[in-house]
Protein backbone atom coordinates (compact mmCIF):
# COMPACT_ATOMS: atom_id res chain seq x y z
CA MET A 1 47.38 25.26 247.97
CA PRO A 2 48.93 28.05 250.47
CA LYS A 3 47.20 28.94 253.79
CA VAL A 4 44.79 31.85 254.02
CA LYS A 5 45.75 34.72 255.93
CA THR A 6 43.44 35.92 258.84
CA ASN A 7 42.60 39.54 258.98
CA ARG A 8 44.08 40.72 262.40
CA GLY A 9 41.89 43.74 262.85
CA ALA A 10 38.69 41.53 262.20
CA ALA A 11 39.96 38.84 264.61
CA LYS A 12 40.41 41.34 267.55
CA ARG A 13 36.77 42.39 266.78
CA PHE A 14 34.77 39.12 265.92
CA LYS A 15 34.70 35.93 268.06
CA THR A 16 32.70 32.66 267.35
CA THR A 17 30.21 31.48 269.61
CA GLY A 18 29.70 27.81 270.73
CA SER A 19 27.09 27.06 267.89
CA GLY A 20 29.49 28.69 265.40
CA LYS A 21 27.66 32.12 265.08
CA ILE A 22 29.70 35.38 264.69
CA ALA A 23 29.55 37.70 267.59
CA ARG A 24 30.50 41.30 267.48
CA ASN A 25 30.55 44.56 269.71
CA ARG A 26 28.12 47.55 269.38
CA ALA A 27 29.30 50.78 267.72
CA PHE A 28 28.44 54.07 268.96
CA SER A 29 29.60 53.74 272.39
CA SER A 30 33.06 55.30 272.72
CA HIS A 31 32.37 59.02 272.74
CA ILE A 32 29.56 61.80 272.93
CA LEU A 33 27.98 59.80 275.66
CA THR A 34 26.27 62.99 277.35
CA LYS A 35 23.41 63.08 274.95
CA LYS A 36 22.63 59.25 275.08
CA SER A 37 20.55 57.92 277.76
CA THR A 38 21.63 55.58 280.48
CA LYS A 39 19.52 52.56 279.07
CA ARG A 40 21.02 53.36 275.70
CA LYS A 41 24.60 53.22 276.69
CA ARG A 42 23.61 49.91 278.97
CA ASN A 43 22.56 48.16 275.82
CA LEU A 44 25.67 49.40 273.73
CA ARG A 45 27.88 47.41 276.21
CA LYS A 46 26.06 44.13 275.16
CA SER A 47 27.51 42.10 272.38
CA THR A 48 25.22 40.73 269.52
CA LEU A 49 25.45 38.58 266.48
CA VAL A 50 26.80 39.64 262.91
CA ASP A 51 23.66 40.21 260.65
CA ALA A 52 22.95 37.76 257.84
CA ALA A 53 23.85 40.42 255.22
CA ASN A 54 27.42 40.65 256.49
CA LEU A 55 28.08 37.06 257.73
CA LYS A 56 29.89 35.86 254.58
CA GLN A 57 32.14 38.94 254.28
CA VAL A 58 33.05 38.46 258.14
CA ALA A 59 33.48 34.77 257.81
CA ARG A 60 36.05 35.39 254.93
CA LEU A 61 38.00 37.51 257.13
CA ILE A 62 38.31 35.03 260.01
CA PRO A 63 38.96 31.67 258.32
CA TYR A 64 40.32 29.68 261.17
CA ARG A 65 37.92 30.76 263.76
């Protein structure tokens, strides 16, 4: 059985926590920031966990995390 290739784009976007969950950065934080409130922009800087609906797909992209 050959080795599975890691999706390099996904490997740069997702990382695994100590407990094995997958963390991601939030979207909507790179431009058109003037209309967004300071509180909203501050919360966009924080990372969060990948939702259960997408977990299986993301885990398949990064098999050797």
